Amino acid sequence: MDPTDVIIQLVVPSSVGETVCLNVHRGVLCKSSAFFKNAIKLEWATQEENVVNLPEDSANTVIDYIKWLYYDKIETQLEEASEDTREKKAVAAEKAYCLLADAYVFGEKIIDLQYKEAVMKAIFATLKSYNWNMGPESVNIIYEGTPPGSQLRRFIAERIAYEAFVDSDEGVGWLQYIEGYPRDVLVDALKVMVRVRPKLSADLCPSLDSYLEKA
Protein backbone atom coordinates (compact mmCIF):
# COMPACT_ATOMS: atom_id res chain seq x y z
CA MET A 1 0.00 0.00 0.00
CA ASP A 2 1.35 3.42 -1.02
CA PRO A 3 0.45 6.04 1.63
CA THR A 4 0.60 8.74 -1.06
CA ASP A 5 -1.90 6.91 -3.26
CA VAL A 6 -5.15 8.58 -4.29
CA ILE A 7 -8.15 7.89 -2.06
CA ILE A 8 -11.24 6.59 -3.82
CA GLN A 9 -14.67 7.02 -2.27
CA LEU A 10 -17.19 4.23 -2.67
CA VAL A 11 -20.70 5.55 -2.17
CA VAL A 12 -23.09 2.87 -0.94
CA PRO A 13 -26.55 2.85 0.68
CA SER A 14 -26.77 2.31 4.41
CA SER A 15 -29.32 0.19 6.26
CA VAL A 16 -31.32 3.30 7.20
CA GLY A 17 -31.76 4.50 3.62
CA GLU A 18 -28.98 7.07 3.59
CA THR A 19 -25.64 6.91 1.78
CA VAL A 20 -22.23 6.11 3.23
CA CYS A 21 -18.86 7.12 1.78
CA LEU A 22 -16.15 4.50 2.20
CA ASN A 23 -12.52 5.50 1.64
CA VAL A 24 -9.97 3.13 0.10
CA HIS A 25 -6.61 3.60 -1.60
CA ARG A 26 -6.84 3.29 -5.37
CA GLY A 27 -4.03 0.72 -5.58
CA VAL A 28 -5.68 -1.43 -2.93
CA LEU A 29 -9.09 -1.18 -4.58
CA CYS A 30 -7.68 -2.24 -7.94
CA LYS A 31 -5.57 -5.06 -6.51
CA SER A 32 -7.66 -7.96 -7.79
CA SER A 33 -10.98 -6.66 -9.12
CA ALA A 34 -11.33 -6.38 -12.90
CA PHE A 35 -14.43 -4.24 -12.35
CA PHE A 36 -12.62 -1.59 -10.33
CA LYS A 37 -9.57 -1.71 -12.59
CA ASN A 38 -11.79 -0.78 -15.51
CA ALA A 39 -13.87 1.73 -13.55
CA ILE A 40 -10.93 3.70 -12.19
CA LYS A 41 -8.51 5.27 -14.63
CA LEU A 42 -5.04 6.60 -13.88
CA GLU A 43 -5.97 10.07 -15.10
CA TRP A 44 -8.30 10.35 -12.10
CA ALA A 45 -5.24 11.29 -10.05
CA THR A 46 -5.52 14.84 -11.35
CA GLN A 47 -9.24 15.15 -10.63
CA GLU A 48 -10.68 16.57 -7.46
CA GLU A 49 -13.40 13.97 -7.10
CA ASN A 50 -12.69 10.25 -7.22
CA VAL A 51 -16.03 8.60 -6.55
CA VAL A 52 -17.55 5.26 -7.49
CA ASN A 53 -21.26 4.82 -6.84
CA LEU A 54 -22.50 1.38 -5.83
CA PRO A 55 -26.24 1.98 -5.33
CA GLU A 56 -27.21 -1.71 -5.38
CA ASP A 57 -24.74 -2.95 -2.76
CA SER A 58 -25.08 -2.72 1.00
CA ALA A 59 -22.54 -0.85 3.09
CA ASN A 60 -21.81 -3.90 5.24
CA THR A 61 -21.00 -6.06 2.21
CA VAL A 62 -18.65 -3.45 0.74
CA ILE A 63 -17.01 -2.77 4.11
CA ASP A 64 -16.27 -6.49 4.50
CA TYR A 65 -14.68 -6.46 1.05
CA ILE A 66 -12.49 -3.46 1.89
CA LYS A 67 -11.36 -5.14 5.12
CA TRP A 68 -10.36 -8.18 3.09
CA LEU A 69 -8.43 -5.99 0.64
CA TYR A 70 -6.36 -4.48 3.46
CA TYR A 71 -6.02 -7.44 5.83
CA ASP A 72 -6.45 -10.45 3.51
CA LYS A 73 -8.90 -11.97 5.96
CA ILE A 74 -12.63 -12.56 5.95
CA GLU A 75 -14.22 -12.01 9.34
CA THR A 76 -16.79 -14.71 10.00
CA GLN A 77 -18.62 -14.35 13.28
CA LEU A 78 -19.34 -17.97 14.13
CA GLU A 79 -21.48 -18.24 17.23
CA GLU A 80 -20.81 -21.08 19.62
CA ALA A 81 -23.42 -23.69 18.72
CA SER A 82 -22.14 -26.90 20.30
CA GLU A 83 -24.62 -26.78 23.16
CA ASP A 84 -27.52 -25.17 21.28
CA THR A 85 -30.59 -26.93 20.03
CA ARG A 86 -30.76 -28.13 16.43
CA GLU A 87 -33.04 -25.22 15.52
CA LYS A 88 -30.71 -22.63 17.06
CA LYS A 89 -27.76 -24.14 15.25
CA ALA A 90 -29.66 -23.91 11.96
CA VAL A 91 -30.48 -20.24 12.54
CA ALA A 92 -26.92 -19.32 13.54
CA ALA A 93 -25.38 -21.19 10.62
CA GLU A 94 -27.78 -19.65 8.11
CA LYS A 95 -27.02 -16.17 9.45
CA ALA A 96 -23.33 -16.72 8.72
CA TYR A 97 -24.08 -18.29 5.33
CA CYS A 98 -26.24 -15.33 4.25
CA LEU A 99 -23.42 -12.87 4.95
CA LEU A 100 -21.01 -15.04 2.98
CA ALA A 101 -23.53 -15.47 0.16
CA ASP A 102 -23.80 -11.68 -0.14
CA ALA A 103 -20.01 -11.47 -0.17
CA TYR A 104 -19.68 -14.11 -2.89
CA VAL A 105 -22.30 -12.41 -5.08
CA PHE A 106 -20.45 -9.10 -4.65
CA GLY A 107 -17.21 -10.81 -5.67
CA GLU A 108 -19.01 -12.12 -8.75
CA LYS A 109 -20.24 -8.63 -9.61
CA ILE A 110 -16.86 -6.92 -9.29
CA ILE A 111 -15.08 -9.83 -11.03
CA ASP A 112 -12.68 -10.60 -8.20
CA LEU A 113 -11.65 -14.25 -8.38
CA GLN A 114 -9.34 -14.03 -5.38
CA TYR A 115 -12.13 -12.68 -3.20
CA LYS A 116 -14.56 -15.37 -4.34
CA GLU A 117 -11.97 -18.02 -3.46
CA ALA A 118 -11.52 -16.46 -0.01
CA VAL A 119 -15.29 -16.48 0.52
CA MET A 120 -15.50 -20.10 -0.60
CA LYS A 121 -12.89 -21.03 2.01
CA ALA A 122 -14.91 -19.17 4.64
CA ILE A 123 -18.03 -21.12 3.61
CA PHE A 124 -16.14 -24.38 4.10
CA ALA A 125 -14.96 -23.14 7.50
CA THR A 126 -18.57 -22.38 8.43
CA LEU A 127 -19.66 -25.83 7.27
CA LYS A 128 -16.95 -27.42 9.40
CA SER A 129 -17.73 -25.27 12.44
CA TYR A 130 -21.49 -25.88 12.47
CA ASN A 131 -21.66 -29.20 10.63
CA TRP A 132 -24.68 -27.67 8.94
CA ASN A 133 -25.56 -27.00 5.31
CA MET A 134 -26.71 -23.82 3.58
CA GLY A 135 -30.43 -23.13 3.98
CA PRO A 136 -33.02 -21.71 1.55
CA GLU A 137 -32.28 -18.03 2.23
CA SER A 138 -28.54 -18.21 1.56
CA VAL A 139 -29.02 -20.56 -1.40
CA ASN A 140 -31.56 -18.18 -2.94
CA ILE A 141 -29.06 -15.32 -2.61
CA ILE A 142 -26.47 -17.36 -4.49
CA TYR A 143 -28.79 -18.52 -7.26
CA GLU A 144 -30.15 -15.01 -7.80
CA GLY A 145 -26.69 -13.46 -7.96
CA THR A 146 -24.52 -15.96 -9.83
CA PRO A 147 -24.59 -17.39 -13.36
CA PRO A 148 -25.05 -21.06 -14.29
CA GLY A 149 -21.73 -22.84 -13.93
CA SER A 150 -20.80 -20.97 -10.76
CA GLN A 151 -18.51 -23.00 -8.52
CA LEU A 152 -20.62 -22.17 -5.48
CA ARG A 153 -23.74 -23.36 -7.28
CA ARG A 154 -21.93 -26.63 -7.99
CA PHE A 155 -20.92 -26.91 -4.33
CA ILE A 156 -24.53 -26.44 -3.18
CA ALA A 157 -25.92 -28.97 -5.67
CA GLU A 158 -23.29 -31.56 -4.80
CA ARG A 159 -23.87 -31.17 -1.07
CA ILE A 160 -27.54 -31.95 -1.63
CA ALA A 161 -26.81 -34.87 -3.98
CA TYR A 162 -24.20 -36.48 -1.72
CA GLU A 163 -25.40 -35.56 1.77
CA ALA A 164 -29.19 -35.14 1.87
CA PHE A 165 -31.09 -37.77 3.84
CA VAL A 166 -34.34 -38.10 5.75
CA ASP A 167 -33.68 -36.37 9.06
CA SER A 168 -37.10 -34.84 9.68
CA ASP A 169 -37.56 -36.87 12.86
CA GLU A 170 -34.74 -34.83 14.38
CA GLY A 171 -36.40 -31.47 13.68
CA VAL A 172 -35.45 -28.93 11.03
CA GLY A 173 -33.41 -30.55 8.30
CA TRP A 174 -33.04 -31.53 4.67
CA LEU A 175 -36.73 -32.03 3.85
CA GLN A 176 -37.66 -28.57 5.08
CA TYR A 177 -34.72 -27.04 3.24
CA ILE A 178 -35.58 -28.78 -0.03
CA GLU A 179 -39.08 -27.31 0.12
CA GLY A 180 -37.57 -23.83 0.31
CA TYR A 181 -34.78 -24.20 -2.26
CA PRO A 182 -35.29 -22.59 -5.69
CA ARG A 183 -36.19 -24.86 -8.59
CA ASP A 184 -32.83 -24.38 -10.31
CA VAL A 185 -30.84 -25.78 -7.39
CA LEU A 186 -33.09 -28.84 -7.21
CA VAL A 187 -32.61 -29.45 -10.92
CA ASP A 188 -28.83 -29.10 -10.52
CA ALA A 189 -28.82 -31.43 -7.51
CA LEU A 190 -30.94 -34.04 -9.27
CA LYS A 191 -28.57 -34.04 -12.26
CA VAL A 192 -25.63 -34.63 -9.92
CA MET A 193 -27.55 -37.36 -8.11
CA VAL A 194 -28.32 -39.21 -11.34
CA ARG A 195 -24.66 -39.03 -12.39
CA VAL A 196 -23.23 -40.36 -9.13
CA ARG A 197 -25.92 -42.89 -8.20
CA PRO A 198 -25.21 -46.48 -9.28
CA LYS A 199 -27.85 -48.18 -11.40
CA LEU A 200 -30.12 -50.19 -9.14
CA SER A 201 -31.61 -53.58 -9.89
CA ALA A 202 -35.18 -53.52 -11.17
CA ASP A 203 -36.05 -55.91 -8.32
CA LEU A 204 -35.45 -53.07 -5.86
CA CYS A 205 -38.07 -50.81 -7.45
CA PRO A 206 -41.54 -50.71 -5.84
CA SER A 207 -43.94 -53.26 -7.24
CA LEU A 208 -47.28 -52.55 -8.89
CA ASP A 209 -49.15 -53.36 -5.66
CA SER A 210 -47.54 -50.40 -3.91
CA TYR A 211 -49.26 -48.01 -6.33
CA LEU A 212 -52.75 -49.47 -6.13
CA GLU A 213 -55.29 -47.80 -3.88
CA LYS A 214 -56.93 -50.21 -1.51
CA ALA A 215 -60.73 -50.42 -1.82
C-alpha atoms as a PDB file:
ATOM      1  CA  MET A   1       0.000   0.000   0.000  1.00  0.00           C
ATOM      2  CA  ASP A   2       1.347   3.416  -1.022  1.00  0.00           C
ATOM      3  CA  PRO A   3       0.449   6.037   1.634  1.00  0.00           C
ATOM      4  CA  THR A   4       0.599   8.737  -1.064  1.00  0.00           C
ATOM      5  CA  ASP A   5      -1.902   6.914  -3.263  1.00  0.00           C
ATOM      6  CA  VAL A   6      -5.151   8.576  -4.292  1.00  0.00           C
ATOM      7  CA  ILE A   7      -8.147   7.889  -2.056  1.00  0.00           C
ATOM      8  CA  ILE A   8     -11.244   6.592  -3.821  1.00  0.00           C
ATOM      9  CA  GLN A   9     -14.673   7.024  -2.274  1.00  0.00           C
ATOM     10  CA  LEU A  10     -17.185   4.230  -2.669  1.00  0.00           C
ATOM     11  CA  VAL A  11     -20.701   5.555  -2.166  1.00  0.00           C
ATOM     12  CA  VAL A  12     -23.091   2.868  -0.937  1.00  0.00           C
ATOM     13  CA  PRO A  13     -26.552   2.848   0.678  1.00  0.00           C
ATOM     14  CA  SER A  14     -26.768   2.310   4.414  1.00  0.00           C
ATOM     15  CA  SER A  15     -29.317   0.191   6.262  1.00  0.00           C
ATOM     16  CA  VAL A  16     -31.322   3.305   7.197  1.00  0.00           C
ATOM     17  CA  GLY A  17     -31.764   4.499   3.619  1.00  0.00           C
ATOM     18  CA  GLU A  18     -28.981   7.074   3.593  1.00  0.00           C
ATOM     19  CA  THR A  19     -25.641   6.911   1.775  1.00  0.00           C
ATOM     20  CA  VAL A  20     -22.234   6.114   3.234  1.00  0.00           C
ATOM     21  CA  CYS A  21     -18.863   7.116   1.777  1.00  0.00           C
ATOM     22  CA  LEU A  22     -16.149   4.501   2.205  1.00  0.00           C
ATOM     23  CA  ASN A  23     -12.516   5.495   1.645  1.00  0.00           C
ATOM     24  CA  VAL A  24      -9.973   3.128   0.104  1.00  0.00           C
ATOM     25  CA  HIS A  25      -6.609   3.600  -1.604  1.00  0.00           C
ATOM     26  CA  ARG A  26      -6.835   3.291  -5.366  1.00  0.00           C
ATOM     27  CA  GLY A  27      -4.030   0.717  -5.581  1.00  0.00           C
ATOM     28  CA  VAL A  28      -5.680  -1.430  -2.931  1.00  0.00           C
ATOM     29  CA  LEU A  29      -9.092  -1.177  -4.579  1.00  0.00           C
ATOM     30  CA  CYS A  30      -7.685  -2.240  -7.943  1.00  0.00           C
ATOM     31  CA  LYS A  31      -5.574  -5.062  -6.505  1.00  0.00           C
ATOM     32  CA  SER A  32      -7.658  -7.957  -7.793  1.00  0.00           C
ATOM     33  CA  SER A  33     -10.978  -6.663  -9.124  1.00  0.00           C
ATOM     34  CA  ALA A  34     -11.332  -6.382 -12.896  1.00  0.00           C
ATOM     35  CA  PHE A  35     -14.430  -4.241 -12.348  1.00  0.00           C
ATOM     36  CA  PHE A  36     -12.624  -1.589 -10.327  1.00  0.00           C
ATOM     37  CA  LYS A  37      -9.566  -1.712 -12.586  1.00  0.00           C
ATOM     38  CA  ASN A  38     -11.794  -0.783 -15.510  1.00  0.00           C
ATOM     39  CA  ALA A  39     -13.872   1.730 -13.549  1.00  0.00           C
ATOM     40  CA  ILE A  40     -10.933   3.698 -12.187  1.00  0.00           C
ATOM     41  CA  LYS A  41      -8.511   5.270 -14.630  1.00  0.00           C
ATOM     42  CA  LEU A  42      -5.044   6.598 -13.879  1.00  0.00           C
ATOM     43  CA  GLU A  43      -5.973  10.067 -15.102  1.00  0.00           C
ATOM     44  CA  TRP A  44      -8.299  10.353 -12.100  1.00  0.00           C
ATOM     45  CA  ALA A  45      -5.236  11.292 -10.051  1.00  0.00           C
ATOM     46  CA  THR A  46      -5.520  14.843 -11.353  1.00  0.00           C
ATOM     47  CA  GLN A  47      -9.235  15.147 -10.634  1.00  0.00           C
ATOM     48  CA  GLU A  48     -10.684  16.569  -7.461  1.00  0.00           C
ATOM     49  CA  GLU A  49     -13.397  13.973  -7.101  1.00  0.00           C
ATOM     50  CA  ASN A  50     -12.694  10.246  -7.220  1.00  0.00           C
ATOM     51  CA  VAL A  51     -16.027   8.598  -6.546  1.00  0.00           C
ATOM     52  CA  VAL A  52     -17.554   5.259  -7.489  1.00  0.00           C
ATOM     53  CA  ASN A  53     -21.258   4.822  -6.838  1.00  0.00           C
ATOM     54  CA  LEU A  54     -22.505   1.376  -5.835  1.00  0.00           C
ATOM     55  CA  PRO A  55     -26.235   1.977  -5.325  1.00  0.00           C
ATOM     56  CA  GLU A  56     -27.214  -1.712  -5.377  1.00  0.00           C
ATOM     57  CA  ASP A  57     -24.736  -2.946  -2.763  1.00  0.00           C
ATOM     58  CA  SER A  58     -25.077  -2.724   1.000  1.00  0.00           C
ATOM     59  CA  ALA A  59     -22.539  -0.848   3.095  1.00  0.00           C
ATOM     60  CA  ASN A  60     -21.806  -3.900   5.239  1.00  0.00           C
ATOM     61  CA  THR A  61     -21.000  -6.056   2.208  1.00  0.00           C
ATOM     62  CA  VAL A  62     -18.651  -3.454   0.738  1.00  0.00           C
ATOM     63  CA  ILE A  63     -17.012  -2.773   4.115  1.00  0.00           C
ATOM     64  CA  ASP A  64     -16.268  -6.487   4.502  1.00  0.00           C
ATOM     65  CA  TYR A  65     -14.676  -6.464   1.050  1.00  0.00           C
ATOM     66  CA  ILE A  66     -12.495  -3.457   1.895  1.00  0.00           C
ATOM     67  CA  LYS A  67     -11.364  -5.143   5.116  1.00  0.00           C
ATOM     68  CA  TRP A  68     -10.362  -8.182   3.093  1.00  0.00           C
ATOM     69  CA  LEU A  69      -8.432  -5.985   0.642  1.00  0.00           C
ATOM     70  CA  TYR A  70      -6.364  -4.482   3.461  1.00  0.00           C
ATOM     71  CA  TYR A  71      -6.022  -7.436   5.825  1.00  0.00           C
ATOM     72  CA  ASP A  72      -6.450 -10.454   3.509  1.00  0.00           C
ATOM     73  CA  LYS A  73      -8.896 -11.965   5.961  1.00  0.00           C
ATOM     74  CA  ILE A  74     -12.628 -12.557   5.949  1.00  0.00           C
ATOM     75  CA  GLU A  75     -14.215 -12.011   9.335  1.00  0.00           C
ATOM     76  CA  THR A  76     -16.788 -14.714  10.000  1.00  0.00           C
ATOM     77  CA  GLN A  77     -18.621 -14.352  13.281  1.00  0.00           C
ATOM     78  CA  LEU A  78     -19.343 -17.970  14.129  1.00  0.00           C
ATOM     79  CA  GLU A  79     -21.477 -18.238  17.225  1.00  0.00           C
ATOM     80  CA  GLU A  80     -20.812 -21.081  19.621  1.00  0.00           C
ATOM     81  CA  ALA A  81     -23.421 -23.689  18.716  1.00  0.00           C
ATOM     82  CA  SER A  82     -22.144 -26.904  20.301  1.00  0.00           C
ATOM     83  CA  GLU A  83     -24.624 -26.784  23.159  1.00  0.00           C
ATOM     84  CA  ASP A  84     -27.516 -25.168  21.282  1.00  0.00           C
ATOM     85  CA  THR A  85     -30.594 -26.931  20.029  1.00  0.00           C
ATOM     86  CA  ARG A  86     -30.764 -28.129  16.435  1.00  0.00           C
ATOM     87  CA  GLU A  87     -33.042 -25.222  15.518  1.00  0.00           C
ATOM     88  CA  LYS A  88     -30.713 -22.625  17.060  1.00  0.00           C
ATOM     89  CA  LYS A  89     -27.757 -24.138  15.250  1.00  0.00           C
ATOM     90  CA  ALA A  90     -29.664 -23.914  11.957  1.00  0.00           C
ATOM     91  CA  VAL A  91     -30.483 -20.243  12.538  1.00  0.00           C
ATOM     92  CA  ALA A  92     -26.917 -19.323  13.541  1.00  0.00           C
ATOM     93  CA  ALA A  93     -25.380 -21.187  10.616  1.00  0.00           C
ATOM     94  CA  GLU A  94     -27.785 -19.645   8.112  1.00  0.00           C
ATOM     95  CA  LYS A  95     -27.024 -16.169   9.455  1.00  0.00           C
ATOM     96  CA  ALA A  96     -23.334 -16.724   8.717  1.00  0.00           C
ATOM     97  CA  TYR A  97     -24.077 -18.288   5.331  1.00  0.00           C
ATOM     98  CA  CYS A  98     -26.236 -15.326   4.248  1.00  0.00           C
ATOM     99  CA  LEU A  99     -23.416 -12.873   4.945  1.00  0.00           C
ATOM    100  CA  LEU A 100     -21.012 -15.041   2.982  1.00  0.00           C
ATOM    101  CA  ALA A 101     -23.529 -15.472   0.163  1.00  0.00           C
ATOM    102  CA  ASP A 102     -23.798 -11.679  -0.142  1.00  0.00           C
ATOM    103  CA  ALA A 103     -20.007 -11.465  -0.172  1.00  0.00           C
ATOM    104  CA  TYR A 104     -19.684 -14.106  -2.892  1.00  0.00           C
ATOM    105  CA  VAL A 105     -22.302 -12.405  -5.081  1.00  0.00           C
ATOM    106  CA  PHE A 106     -20.452  -9.097  -4.652  1.00  0.00           C
ATOM    107  CA  GLY A 107     -17.212 -10.809  -5.673  1.00  0.00           C
ATOM    108  CA  GLU A 108     -19.007 -12.121  -8.748  1.00  0.00           C
ATOM    109  CA  LYS A 109     -20.238  -8.626  -9.608  1.00  0.00           C
ATOM    110  CA  ILE A 110     -16.855  -6.921  -9.292  1.00  0.00           C
ATOM    111  CA  ILE A 111     -15.079  -9.825 -11.031  1.00  0.00           C
ATOM    112  CA  ASP A 112     -12.682 -10.605  -8.196  1.00  0.00           C
ATOM    113  CA  LEU A 113     -11.650 -14.251  -8.383  1.00  0.00           C
ATOM    114  CA  GLN A 114      -9.344 -14.029  -5.378  1.00  0.00           C
ATOM    115  CA  TYR A 115     -12.131 -12.681  -3.205  1.00  0.00           C
ATOM    116  CA  LYS A 116     -14.557 -15.375  -4.338  1.00  0.00           C
ATOM    117  CA  GLU A 117     -11.973 -18.021  -3.462  1.00  0.00           C
ATOM    118  CA  ALA A 118     -11.517 -16.460  -0.012  1.00  0.00           C
ATOM    119  CA  VAL A 119     -15.293 -16.476   0.522  1.00  0.00           C
ATOM    120  CA  MET A 120     -15.496 -20.098  -0.603  1.00  0.00           C
ATOM    121  CA  LYS A 121     -12.892 -21.027   2.005  1.00  0.00           C
ATOM    122  CA  ALA A 122     -14.912 -19.171   4.637  1.00  0.00           C
ATOM    123  CA  ILE A 123     -18.031 -21.116   3.610  1.00  0.00           C
ATOM    124  CA  PHE A 124     -16.139 -24.380   4.098  1.00  0.00           C
ATOM    125  CA  ALA A 125     -14.958 -23.145   7.502  1.00  0.00           C
ATOM    126  CA  THR A 126     -18.569 -22.375   8.432  1.00  0.00           C
ATOM    127  CA  LEU A 127     -19.657 -25.828   7.274  1.00  0.00           C
ATOM    128  CA  LYS A 128     -16.952 -27.422   9.403  1.00  0.00           C
ATOM    129  CA  SER A 129     -17.734 -25.274  12.436  1.00  0.00           C
ATOM    130  CA  TYR A 130     -21.485 -25.883  12.472  1.00  0.00           C
ATOM    131  CA  ASN A 131     -21.662 -29.201  10.628  1.00  0.00           C
ATOM    132  CA  TRP A 132     -24.681 -27.674   8.943  1.00  0.00           C
ATOM    133  CA  ASN A 133     -25.560 -26.997   5.312  1.00  0.00           C
ATOM    134  CA  MET A 134     -26.712 -23.819   3.578  1.00  0.00           C
ATOM    135  CA  GLY A 135     -30.426 -23.132   3.978  1.00  0.00           C
ATOM    136  CA  PRO A 136     -33.015 -21.709   1.550  1.00  0.00           C
ATOM    137  CA  GLU A 137     -32.283 -18.034   2.231  1.00  0.00           C
ATOM    138  CA  SER A 138     -28.544 -18.209   1.560  1.00  0.00           C
ATOM    139  CA  VAL A 139     -29.023 -20.556  -1.403  1.00  0.00           C
ATOM    140  CA  ASN A 140     -31.557 -18.177  -2.941  1.00  0.00           C
ATOM    141  CA  ILE A 141     -29.057 -15.323  -2.614  1.00  0.00           C
ATOM    142  CA  ILE A 142     -26.473 -17.362  -4.489  1.00  0.00           C
ATOM    143  CA  TYR A 143     -28.794 -18.515  -7.260  1.00  0.00           C
ATOM    144  CA  GLU A 144     -30.149 -15.007  -7.796  1.00  0.00           C
ATOM    145  CA  GLY A 145     -26.692 -13.457  -7.956  1.00  0.00           C
ATOM    146  CA  THR A 146     -24.524 -15.964  -9.830  1.00  0.00           C
ATOM    147  CA  PRO A 147     -24.586 -17.392 -13.358  1.00  0.00           C
ATOM    148  CA  PRO A 148     -25.052 -21.063 -14.291  1.00  0.00           C
ATOM    149  CA  GLY A 149     -21.732 -22.841 -13.933  1.00  0.00           C
ATOM    150  CA  SER A 150     -20.804 -20.966 -10.758  1.00  0.00           C
ATOM    151  CA  GLN A 151     -18.509 -23.001  -8.523  1.00  0.00           C
ATOM    152  CA  LEU A 152     -20.615 -22.166  -5.483  1.00  0.00           C
ATOM    153  CA  ARG A 153     -23.744 -23.360  -7.279  1.00  0.00           C
ATOM    154  CA  ARG A 154     -21.927 -26.627  -7.986  1.00  0.00           C
ATOM    155  CA  PHE A 155     -20.915 -26.911  -4.330  1.00  0.00           C
ATOM    156  CA  ILE A 156     -24.530 -26.443  -3.184  1.00  0.00           C
ATOM    157  CA  ALA A 157     -25.925 -28.966  -5.672  1.00  0.00           C
ATOM    158  CA  GLU A 158     -23.287 -31.561  -4.802  1.00  0.00           C
ATOM    159  CA  ARG A 159     -23.874 -31.170  -1.069  1.00  0.00           C
ATOM    160  CA  ILE A 160     -27.544 -31.954  -1.634  1.00  0.00           C
ATOM    161  CA  ALA A 161     -26.808 -34.868  -3.976  1.00  0.00           C
ATOM    162  CA  TYR A 162     -24.200 -36.475  -1.715  1.00  0.00           C
ATOM    163  CA  GLU A 163     -25.401 -35.557   1.772  1.00  0.00           C
ATOM    164  CA  ALA A 164     -29.193 -35.141   1.865  1.00  0.00           C
ATOM    165  CA  PHE A 165     -31.091 -37.768   3.843  1.00  0.00           C
ATOM    166  CA  VAL A 166     -34.339 -38.100   5.751  1.00  0.00           C
ATOM    167  CA  ASP A 167     -33.676 -36.369   9.061  1.00  0.00           C
ATOM    168  CA  SER A 168     -37.096 -34.836   9.683  1.00  0.00           C
ATOM    169  CA  ASP A 169     -37.565 -36.869  12.859  1.00  0.00           C
ATOM    170  CA  GLU A 170     -34.740 -34.826  14.380  1.00  0.00           C
ATOM    171  CA  GLY A 171     -36.399 -31.468  13.680  1.00  0.00           C
ATOM    172  CA  VAL A 172     -35.446 -28.925  11.032  1.00  0.00           C
ATOM    173  CA  GLY A 173     -33.409 -30.545   8.299  1.00  0.00           C
ATOM    174  CA  TRP A 174     -33.043 -31.528   4.672  1.00  0.00           C
ATOM    175  CA  LEU A 175     -36.730 -32.034   3.847  1.00  0.00           C
ATOM    176  CA  GLN A 176     -37.658 -28.565   5.076  1.00  0.00           C
ATOM    177  CA  TYR A 177     -34.716 -27.040   3.235  1.00  0.00           C
ATOM    178  CA  ILE A 178     -35.580 -28.785  -0.032  1.00  0.00           C
ATOM    179  CA  GLU A 179     -39.081 -27.313   0.121  1.00  0.00           C
ATOM    180  CA  GLY A 180     -37.568 -23.835   0.308  1.00  0.00           C
ATOM    181  CA  TYR A 181     -34.776 -24.196  -2.264  1.00  0.00           C
ATOM    182  CA  PRO A 182     -35.292 -22.586  -5.690  1.00  0.00           C
ATOM    183  CA  ARG A 183     -36.193 -24.857  -8.588  1.00  0.00           C
ATOM    184  CA  ASP A 184     -32.826 -24.377 -10.306  1.00  0.00           C
ATOM    185  CA  VAL A 185     -30.837 -25.784  -7.390  1.00  0.00           C
ATOM    186  CA  LEU A 186     -33.094 -28.837  -7.206  1.00  0.00           C
ATOM    187  CA  VAL A 187     -32.605 -29.450 -10.925  1.00  0.00           C
ATOM    188  CA  ASP A 188     -28.830 -29.102 -10.515  1.00  0.00           C
ATOM    189  CA  ALA A 189     -28.824 -31.427  -7.509  1.00  0.00           C
ATOM    190  CA  LEU A 190     -30.942 -34.039  -9.274  1.00  0.00           C
ATOM    191  CA  LYS A 191     -28.569 -34.045 -12.256  1.00  0.00           C
ATOM    192  CA  VAL A 192     -25.626 -34.632  -9.921  1.00  0.00           C
ATOM    193  CA  MET A 193     -27.548 -37.358  -8.105  1.00  0.00           C
ATOM    194  CA  VAL A 194     -28.318 -39.206 -11.339  1.00  0.00           C
ATOM    195  CA  ARG A 195     -24.657 -39.025 -12.390  1.00  0.00           C
ATOM    196  CA  VAL A 196     -23.234 -40.359  -9.126  1.00  0.00           C
ATOM    197  CA  ARG A 197     -25.917 -42.894  -8.200  1.00  0.00           C
ATOM    198  CA  PRO A 198     -25.212 -46.475  -9.284  1.00  0.00           C
ATOM    199  CA  LYS A 199     -27.852 -48.182 -11.396  1.00  0.00           C
ATOM    200  CA  LEU A 200     -30.124 -50.191  -9.138  1.00  0.00           C
ATOM    201  CA  SER A 201     -31.607 -53.576  -9.885  1.00  0.00           C
ATOM    202  CA  ALA A 202     -35.184 -53.522 -11.167  1.00  0.00           C
ATOM    203  CA  ASP A 203     -36.053 -55.906  -8.321  1.00  0.00           C
ATOM    204  CA  LEU A 204     -35.448 -53.070  -5.857  1.00  0.00           C
ATOM    205  CA  CYS A 205     -38.071 -50.811  -7.449  1.00  0.00           C
ATOM    206  CA  PRO A 206     -41.535 -50.710  -5.837  1.00  0.00           C
ATOM    207  CA  SER A 207     -43.943 -53.257  -7.242  1.00  0.00           C
ATOM    208  CA  LEU A 208     -47.276 -52.554  -8.886  1.00  0.00           C
ATOM    209  CA  ASP A 209     -49.148 -53.356  -5.662  1.00  0.00           C
ATOM    210  CA  SER A 210     -47.542 -50.399  -3.906  1.00  0.00           C
ATOM    211  CA  TYR A 211     -49.256 -48.007  -6.329  1.00  0.00           C
ATOM    212  CA  LEU A 212     -52.748 -49.471  -6.126  1.00  0.00           C
ATOM    213  CA  GLU A 213     -55.289 -47.801  -3.875  1.00  0.00           C
ATOM    214  CA  LYS A 214     -56.932 -50.211  -1.512  1.00  0.00           C
ATOM    215  CA  ALA A 215     -60.728 -50.420  -1.818  1.00  0.00           C
END
